[in-house]
Amino acid sequence: MSSESPAGAPSADQAAAPHLDHRAFEAFGMRQVDDASIDAAIAQAGDALVCVFFWGVDCFNCEMAKKAMLANPEPIRALDLHWLHANVYEHPALGKRFGLHGIPVFMFFQNGKKLGRATGWHGHGQFAAAVANARLKAGGKPLAG
């Protein structure tokens, strides 16, 4: 029997942490990835714009981002993203690989190519602008100012 949790489901350690809110992962269909599975998960998304939410346990700003996303989920869903999430405290190789100096970070990929990032959660407007710029970059168009 595998000890791996189903896609998006919290691990046993995460489920035991009452301060960790997984509702955002579930609400947006975020699949949990780690350093061994992230590349395959991005590739499996095909042409979809992938957003990887890098977070950590006991990260106050990560929890605030999740709460803000849940408070008004429809504009987030309307961005039509393929969501993944990774706990960089549990998988520090991801933080090193992607040059993360703080979290939360939302990183965008399409067809395996990194297109941009949003560092921190500064509201839906900033996040939507980062998504729009990632789509422009994917299309080879100039980024919005």
N, C-alpha and C. Protein backbone atom coordinates (compact mmCIF):
# COMPACT_ATOMS: atom_id res chain seq x y z
N MET A 1 0.85 -1.19 0.00
CA MET A 1 0.00 0.00 0.00
C MET A 1 0.88 1.24 0.00
N SER A 2 0.54 2.22 -0.80
CA SER A 2 1.32 3.45 -0.92
C SER A 2 1.03 4.36 0.26
N SER A 3 2.08 5.05 0.72
CA SER A 3 1.90 6.02 1.80
C SER A 3 1.61 7.40 1.22
N GLU A 4 1.58 7.51 -0.09
CA GLU A 4 1.34 8.78 -0.76
C GLU A 4 -0.14 9.14 -0.67
N SER A 5 -0.43 10.39 -0.40
CA SER A 5 -1.81 10.82 -0.32
C SER A 5 -2.34 11.11 -1.72
N PRO A 6 -3.66 11.01 -1.92
CA PRO A 6 -4.24 11.32 -3.24
C PRO A 6 -3.92 12.75 -3.65
N ALA A 7 -3.98 13.01 -4.93
CA ALA A 7 -3.68 14.35 -5.45
C ALA A 7 -4.48 15.40 -4.70
N GLY A 8 -3.77 16.39 -4.17
CA GLY A 8 -4.43 17.50 -3.49
C GLY A 8 -4.78 17.23 -2.04
N ALA A 9 -4.76 15.96 -1.62
CA ALA A 9 -5.14 15.63 -0.25
C ALA A 9 -3.97 15.90 0.69
N PRO A 10 -4.27 16.32 1.90
CA PRO A 10 -3.18 16.57 2.84
C PRO A 10 -2.53 15.26 3.28
N SER A 11 -1.23 15.30 3.53
CA SER A 11 -0.53 14.14 4.08
C SER A 11 -0.98 13.97 5.53
N ALA A 12 -0.60 12.85 6.14
CA ALA A 12 -0.97 12.60 7.54
C ALA A 12 -0.43 13.70 8.45
N ASP A 13 0.81 14.15 8.19
CA ASP A 13 1.39 15.21 9.00
C ASP A 13 0.61 16.51 8.85
N GLN A 14 0.21 16.81 7.61
CA GLN A 14 -0.54 18.05 7.37
C GLN A 14 -1.92 17.97 7.99
N ALA A 15 -2.56 16.81 7.90
CA ALA A 15 -3.90 16.66 8.45
C ALA A 15 -3.88 16.83 9.97
N ALA A 16 -2.75 16.50 10.61
CA ALA A 16 -2.63 16.59 12.05
C ALA A 16 -2.40 18.03 12.51
N ALA A 17 -2.07 18.93 11.60
CA ALA A 17 -1.80 20.32 11.96
C ALA A 17 -3.08 21.15 11.85
N PRO A 18 -3.74 21.43 12.97
CA PRO A 18 -5.03 22.12 12.92
C PRO A 18 -4.93 23.55 12.39
N HIS A 19 -3.75 24.16 12.45
CA HIS A 19 -3.58 25.54 12.00
C HIS A 19 -3.43 25.65 10.48
N LEU A 20 -3.30 24.53 9.81
CA LEU A 20 -3.07 24.52 8.38
C LEU A 20 -4.39 24.33 7.64
N ASP A 21 -4.78 25.31 6.87
CA ASP A 21 -6.06 25.29 6.16
C ASP A 21 -5.85 24.80 4.73
N HIS A 22 -6.44 23.67 4.41
CA HIS A 22 -6.31 23.07 3.08
C HIS A 22 -7.49 23.38 2.16
N ARG A 23 -8.44 24.17 2.63
CA ARG A 23 -9.63 24.42 1.83
C ARG A 23 -9.32 25.06 0.48
N ALA A 24 -8.32 25.92 0.41
CA ALA A 24 -7.96 26.55 -0.87
C ALA A 24 -7.44 25.51 -1.84
N PHE A 25 -6.66 24.56 -1.34
CA PHE A 25 -6.15 23.51 -2.21
C PHE A 25 -7.31 22.74 -2.84
N GLU A 26 -8.30 22.45 -2.03
CA GLU A 26 -9.46 21.71 -2.50
C GLU A 26 -10.34 22.58 -3.40
N ALA A 27 -10.58 23.81 -3.01
CA ALA A 27 -11.48 24.70 -3.76
C ALA A 27 -11.00 24.97 -5.18
N PHE A 28 -9.70 25.00 -5.37
CA PHE A 28 -9.15 25.29 -6.69
C PHE A 28 -8.55 24.05 -7.36
N GLY A 29 -8.77 22.89 -6.77
CA GLY A 29 -8.28 21.64 -7.35
C GLY A 29 -6.77 21.58 -7.47
N MET A 30 -6.07 22.11 -6.46
CA MET A 30 -4.61 22.12 -6.49
C MET A 30 -4.06 20.73 -6.20
N ARG A 31 -3.21 20.27 -7.07
CA ARG A 31 -2.55 18.97 -6.90
C ARG A 31 -1.23 19.18 -6.17
N GLN A 32 -0.99 18.39 -5.14
CA GLN A 32 0.25 18.49 -4.37
C GLN A 32 1.40 17.89 -5.16
N VAL A 33 2.52 18.61 -5.22
CA VAL A 33 3.73 18.13 -5.90
C VAL A 33 4.93 18.30 -4.98
N ASP A 34 6.01 17.62 -5.35
CA ASP A 34 7.27 17.76 -4.64
C ASP A 34 8.38 17.81 -5.67
N ASP A 35 9.63 17.78 -5.22
CA ASP A 35 10.74 17.89 -6.15
C ASP A 35 10.80 16.72 -7.13
N ALA A 36 10.27 15.57 -6.78
CA ALA A 36 10.29 14.41 -7.67
C ALA A 36 9.14 14.41 -8.67
N SER A 37 8.06 15.13 -8.39
CA SER A 37 6.87 15.05 -9.24
C SER A 37 6.50 16.34 -9.98
N ILE A 38 7.15 17.44 -9.67
CA ILE A 38 6.73 18.73 -10.22
C ILE A 38 6.86 18.80 -11.74
N ASP A 39 7.96 18.32 -12.29
CA ASP A 39 8.16 18.42 -13.74
C ASP A 39 7.11 17.62 -14.50
N ALA A 40 6.83 16.41 -14.04
CA ALA A 40 5.81 15.58 -14.69
C ALA A 40 4.43 16.22 -14.58
N ALA A 41 4.13 16.81 -13.42
CA ALA A 41 2.82 17.44 -13.23
C ALA A 41 2.65 18.65 -14.15
N ILE A 42 3.71 19.41 -14.33
CA ILE A 42 3.66 20.56 -15.24
C ILE A 42 3.49 20.06 -16.68
N ALA A 43 4.22 19.03 -17.05
CA ALA A 43 4.13 18.48 -18.41
C ALA A 43 2.75 17.91 -18.68
N GLN A 44 2.14 17.27 -17.69
CA GLN A 44 0.81 16.67 -17.86
C GLN A 44 -0.27 17.73 -18.12
N ALA A 45 -0.01 18.97 -17.78
CA ALA A 45 -0.99 20.03 -17.98
C ALA A 45 -1.09 20.45 -19.44
N GLY A 46 -0.15 20.02 -20.27
CA GLY A 46 -0.18 20.34 -21.69
C GLY A 46 -0.12 21.83 -21.94
N ASP A 47 -1.06 22.34 -22.73
CA ASP A 47 -1.08 23.76 -23.09
C ASP A 47 -1.69 24.66 -22.03
N ALA A 48 -2.23 24.08 -20.97
CA ALA A 48 -2.86 24.88 -19.91
C ALA A 48 -1.80 25.72 -19.20
N LEU A 49 -2.21 26.89 -18.73
CA LEU A 49 -1.32 27.71 -17.92
C LEU A 49 -1.33 27.15 -16.50
N VAL A 50 -0.16 26.74 -16.04
CA VAL A 50 0.00 26.13 -14.72
C VAL A 50 0.42 27.20 -13.72
N CYS A 51 -0.20 27.17 -12.56
CA CYS A 51 0.21 28.01 -11.45
C CYS A 51 0.63 27.09 -10.32
N VAL A 52 1.89 27.19 -9.90
CA VAL A 52 2.39 26.44 -8.75
C VAL A 52 2.41 27.40 -7.56
N PHE A 53 1.66 27.04 -6.54
CA PHE A 53 1.59 27.81 -5.31
C PHE A 53 2.62 27.21 -4.35
N PHE A 54 3.73 27.94 -4.15
CA PHE A 54 4.76 27.53 -3.21
C PHE A 54 4.42 28.14 -1.85
N TRP A 55 4.32 27.32 -0.83
CA TRP A 55 3.89 27.74 0.49
C TRP A 55 4.68 26.95 1.54
N GLY A 56 4.39 27.22 2.81
CA GLY A 56 5.01 26.48 3.90
C GLY A 56 4.12 26.46 5.13
N VAL A 57 4.27 25.41 5.91
CA VAL A 57 3.54 25.29 7.17
C VAL A 57 3.99 26.41 8.10
N ASP A 58 3.07 26.97 8.82
CA ASP A 58 3.31 28.07 9.75
C ASP A 58 3.72 29.36 9.06
N CYS A 59 3.46 29.48 7.78
CA CYS A 59 3.72 30.71 7.03
C CYS A 59 2.46 31.58 7.11
N PHE A 60 2.52 32.63 7.89
CA PHE A 60 1.36 33.50 8.08
C PHE A 60 0.87 34.07 6.75
N ASN A 61 1.78 34.57 5.91
CA ASN A 61 1.38 35.17 4.65
C ASN A 61 0.77 34.14 3.69
N CYS A 62 1.21 32.90 3.78
CA CYS A 62 0.62 31.84 2.95
C CYS A 62 -0.83 31.60 3.37
N GLU A 63 -1.05 31.55 4.67
CA GLU A 63 -2.42 31.35 5.17
C GLU A 63 -3.31 32.53 4.81
N MET A 64 -2.76 33.74 4.87
CA MET A 64 -3.54 34.92 4.50
C MET A 64 -3.89 34.88 3.01
N ALA A 65 -2.98 34.45 2.17
CA ALA A 65 -3.25 34.33 0.73
C ALA A 65 -4.38 33.34 0.49
N LYS A 66 -4.32 32.21 1.15
CA LYS A 66 -5.37 31.20 0.97
C LYS A 66 -6.73 31.75 1.43
N LYS A 67 -6.74 32.44 2.55
CA LYS A 67 -8.00 33.01 3.05
C LYS A 67 -8.56 34.04 2.07
N ALA A 68 -7.70 34.88 1.52
CA ALA A 68 -8.15 35.89 0.56
C ALA A 68 -8.70 35.23 -0.70
N MET A 69 -8.05 34.20 -1.17
CA MET A 69 -8.51 33.50 -2.36
C MET A 69 -9.88 32.86 -2.11
N LEU A 70 -10.05 32.29 -0.93
CA LEU A 70 -11.32 31.65 -0.58
C LEU A 70 -12.44 32.66 -0.36
N ALA A 71 -12.10 33.86 0.07
CA ALA A 71 -13.11 34.88 0.33
C ALA A 71 -13.80 35.33 -0.95
N ASN A 72 -13.11 35.23 -2.07
CA ASN A 72 -13.68 35.64 -3.36
C ASN A 72 -13.12 34.71 -4.45
N PRO A 73 -13.59 33.47 -4.47
CA PRO A 73 -12.98 32.47 -5.35
C PRO A 73 -13.31 32.60 -6.84
N GLU A 74 -14.44 33.17 -7.18
CA GLU A 74 -14.85 33.18 -8.59
C GLU A 74 -13.88 33.92 -9.51
N PRO A 75 -13.36 35.10 -9.13
CA PRO A 75 -12.37 35.74 -10.01
C PRO A 75 -11.10 34.91 -10.18
N ILE A 76 -10.74 34.15 -9.16
CA ILE A 76 -9.57 33.27 -9.26
C ILE A 76 -9.87 32.13 -10.24
N ARG A 77 -11.04 31.53 -10.10
CA ARG A 77 -11.44 30.45 -11.01
C ARG A 77 -11.53 30.94 -12.45
N ALA A 78 -11.97 32.17 -12.63
CA ALA A 78 -12.14 32.73 -13.98
C ALA A 78 -10.80 32.87 -14.72
N LEU A 79 -9.70 32.83 -14.00
CA LEU A 79 -8.38 32.93 -14.64
C LEU A 79 -8.01 31.63 -15.36
N ASP A 80 -8.77 30.57 -15.11
CA ASP A 80 -8.62 29.29 -15.82
C ASP A 80 -7.19 28.75 -15.72
N LEU A 81 -6.75 28.53 -14.50
CA LEU A 81 -5.40 28.03 -14.24
C LEU A 81 -5.44 26.55 -13.89
N HIS A 82 -4.39 25.86 -14.21
CA HIS A 82 -4.17 24.48 -13.76
C HIS A 82 -3.28 24.60 -12.52
N TRP A 83 -3.81 24.24 -11.37
CA TRP A 83 -3.14 24.51 -10.10
C TRP A 83 -2.34 23.33 -9.57
N LEU A 84 -1.16 23.65 -9.06
CA LEU A 84 -0.33 22.72 -8.29
C LEU A 84 0.08 23.45 -7.02
N HIS A 85 0.43 22.71 -5.98
CA HIS A 85 0.95 23.35 -4.77
C HIS A 85 2.08 22.52 -4.19
N ALA A 86 3.02 23.22 -3.55
CA ALA A 86 4.18 22.56 -2.95
C ALA A 86 4.58 23.24 -1.66
N ASN A 87 4.76 22.44 -0.63
CA ASN A 87 5.25 22.91 0.66
C ASN A 87 6.78 22.94 0.60
N VAL A 88 7.35 24.12 0.46
CA VAL A 88 8.80 24.23 0.30
C VAL A 88 9.56 24.01 1.61
N TYR A 89 8.87 24.06 2.74
CA TYR A 89 9.54 23.72 3.99
C TYR A 89 9.76 22.21 4.05
N GLU A 90 8.81 21.46 3.53
CA GLU A 90 8.92 20.01 3.49
C GLU A 90 9.84 19.56 2.34
N HIS A 91 9.92 20.36 1.28
CA HIS A 91 10.71 20.03 0.09
C HIS A 91 11.62 21.21 -0.25
N PRO A 92 12.66 21.46 0.56
CA PRO A 92 13.51 22.64 0.36
C PRO A 92 14.25 22.66 -0.98
N ALA A 93 14.42 21.52 -1.63
CA ALA A 93 15.08 21.50 -2.95
C ALA A 93 14.29 22.34 -3.95
N LEU A 94 12.98 22.41 -3.80
CA LEU A 94 12.17 23.25 -4.70
C LEU A 94 12.48 24.72 -4.50
N GLY A 95 12.61 25.14 -3.26
CA GLY A 95 12.95 26.53 -2.98
C GLY A 95 14.28 26.91 -3.58
N LYS A 96 15.24 26.04 -3.47
CA LYS A 96 16.56 26.29 -4.04
C LYS A 96 16.49 26.31 -5.56
N ARG A 97 15.84 25.32 -6.13
CA ARG A 97 15.74 25.21 -7.59
C ARG A 97 15.10 26.44 -8.22
N PHE A 98 14.04 26.94 -7.61
CA PHE A 98 13.30 28.06 -8.20
C PHE A 98 13.68 29.41 -7.61
N GLY A 99 14.73 29.46 -6.81
CA GLY A 99 15.25 30.72 -6.30
C GLY A 99 14.26 31.46 -5.40
N LEU A 100 13.60 30.72 -4.53
CA LEU A 100 12.61 31.33 -3.64
C LEU A 100 13.31 31.88 -2.41
N HIS A 101 13.08 33.16 -2.13
CA HIS A 101 13.66 33.80 -0.95
C HIS A 101 12.59 34.14 0.07
N GLY A 102 11.39 33.80 -0.23
CA GLY A 102 10.26 34.04 0.64
C GLY A 102 9.03 33.40 0.01
N ILE A 103 8.03 33.20 0.82
CA ILE A 103 6.78 32.63 0.33
C ILE A 103 5.62 33.41 0.92
N PRO A 104 4.47 33.39 0.32
CA PRO A 104 4.08 32.57 -0.81
C PRO A 104 4.62 33.11 -2.14
N VAL A 105 4.80 32.20 -3.06
CA VAL A 105 5.15 32.53 -4.44
C VAL A 105 4.22 31.72 -5.34
N PHE A 106 3.72 32.38 -6.35
CA PHE A 106 2.90 31.73 -7.37
C PHE A 106 3.70 31.79 -8.66
N MET A 107 4.10 30.64 -9.19
CA MET A 107 4.94 30.60 -10.38
C MET A 107 4.14 30.00 -11.54
N PHE A 108 4.31 30.60 -12.72
CA PHE A 108 3.52 30.23 -13.88
C PHE A 108 4.36 29.51 -14.92
N PHE A 109 3.79 28.44 -15.49
CA PHE A 109 4.45 27.61 -16.49
C PHE A 109 3.45 27.26 -17.59
N GLN A 110 3.98 27.05 -18.78
CA GLN A 110 3.18 26.48 -19.85
C GLN A 110 4.11 25.66 -20.73
N ASN A 111 3.69 24.44 -21.03
CA ASN A 111 4.49 23.52 -21.83
C ASN A 111 5.91 23.39 -21.28
N GLY A 112 6.04 23.37 -19.95
CA GLY A 112 7.32 23.18 -19.30
C GLY A 112 8.17 24.43 -19.18
N LYS A 113 7.74 25.53 -19.77
CA LYS A 113 8.52 26.77 -19.75
C LYS A 113 8.02 27.70 -18.63
N LYS A 114 8.96 28.20 -17.82
CA LYS A 114 8.61 29.16 -16.78
C LYS A 114 8.30 30.50 -17.43
N LEU A 115 7.14 31.06 -17.07
CA LEU A 115 6.68 32.31 -17.69
C LEU A 115 6.65 33.50 -16.76
N GLY A 116 6.77 33.27 -15.47
CA GLY A 116 6.72 34.40 -14.54
C GLY A 116 6.32 33.95 -13.16
N ARG A 117 6.14 34.96 -12.31
CA ARG A 117 5.79 34.67 -10.92
C ARG A 117 5.10 35.87 -10.29
N ALA A 118 4.38 35.58 -9.24
CA ALA A 118 3.82 36.60 -8.36
C ALA A 118 4.34 36.28 -6.97
N THR A 119 5.07 37.20 -6.38
CA THR A 119 5.64 36.99 -5.06
C THR A 119 4.75 37.65 -4.03
N GLY A 120 4.31 36.87 -3.08
CA GLY A 120 3.38 37.37 -2.07
C GLY A 120 1.97 37.43 -2.63
N TRP A 121 1.04 37.80 -1.77
CA TRP A 121 -0.35 38.00 -2.20
C TRP A 121 -0.68 39.45 -1.93
N HIS A 122 -0.84 40.20 -3.01
CA HIS A 122 -1.14 41.63 -2.89
C HIS A 122 -2.51 41.94 -3.46
N GLY A 123 -3.38 40.95 -3.43
CA GLY A 123 -4.73 41.12 -3.91
C GLY A 123 -4.94 40.51 -5.29
N HIS A 124 -6.21 40.42 -5.63
CA HIS A 124 -6.56 39.79 -6.90
C HIS A 124 -6.01 40.56 -8.10
N GLY A 125 -6.01 41.88 -8.04
CA GLY A 125 -5.54 42.69 -9.17
C GLY A 125 -4.10 42.38 -9.53
N GLN A 126 -3.23 42.33 -8.54
CA GLN A 126 -1.81 42.02 -8.79
C GLN A 126 -1.66 40.61 -9.32
N PHE A 127 -2.42 39.68 -8.74
CA PHE A 127 -2.33 38.29 -9.17
C PHE A 127 -2.82 38.14 -10.62
N ALA A 128 -3.95 38.75 -10.92
CA ALA A 128 -4.50 38.68 -12.28
C ALA A 128 -3.55 39.32 -13.30
N ALA A 129 -2.87 40.39 -12.91
CA ALA A 129 -1.90 41.03 -13.80
C ALA A 129 -0.72 40.09 -14.07
N ALA A 130 -0.27 39.37 -13.04
CA ALA A 130 0.83 38.41 -13.23
C ALA A 130 0.40 37.27 -14.16
N VAL A 131 -0.84 36.82 -14.02
CA VAL A 131 -1.38 35.78 -14.91
C VAL A 131 -1.44 36.32 -16.34
N ALA A 132 -1.93 37.54 -16.51
CA ALA A 132 -2.03 38.14 -17.85
C ALA A 132 -0.65 38.27 -18.49
N ASN A 133 0.34 38.69 -17.71
CA ASN A 133 1.70 38.80 -18.25
C ASN A 133 2.27 37.43 -18.63
N ALA A 134 1.96 36.41 -17.84
CA ALA A 134 2.42 35.06 -18.18
C ALA A 134 1.80 34.62 -19.50
N ARG A 135 0.53 34.93 -19.70
CA ARG A 135 -0.14 34.56 -20.96
C ARG A 135 0.45 35.34 -22.14
N LEU A 136 0.75 36.63 -21.93
CA LEU A 136 1.37 37.41 -23.00
C LEU A 136 2.74 36.82 -23.35
N LYS A 137 3.51 36.49 -22.34
CA LYS A 137 4.84 35.92 -22.59
C LYS A 137 4.72 34.59 -23.33
N ALA A 138 3.74 33.78 -22.95
CA ALA A 138 3.52 32.48 -23.62
C ALA A 138 3.21 32.69 -25.10
N GLY A 139 2.51 33.79 -25.39
CA GLY A 139 2.13 34.09 -26.77
C GLY A 139 3.19 34.89 -27.53
N GLY A 140 4.32 35.16 -26.86
CA GLY A 140 5.39 35.93 -27.51
C GLY A 140 5.07 37.40 -27.68
N LYS A 141 4.16 37.90 -26.87
CA LYS A 141 3.75 39.31 -26.96
C LYS A 141 4.44 40.12 -25.87
N PRO A 142 4.54 41.45 -26.06
CA PRO A 142 5.15 42.29 -25.02
C PRO A 142 4.33 42.25 -23.74
N LEU A 143 5.03 42.35 -22.63
CA LEU A 143 4.36 42.33 -21.33
C LEU A 143 3.66 43.65 -21.08
N ALA A 144 2.56 43.57 -20.34
CA ALA A 144 1.83 44.78 -19.95
C ALA A 144 2.65 45.55 -18.92
N GLY A 145 2.51 46.88 -18.90
CA GLY A 145 3.27 47.72 -17.99
C GLY A 145 2.77 47.79 -16.63
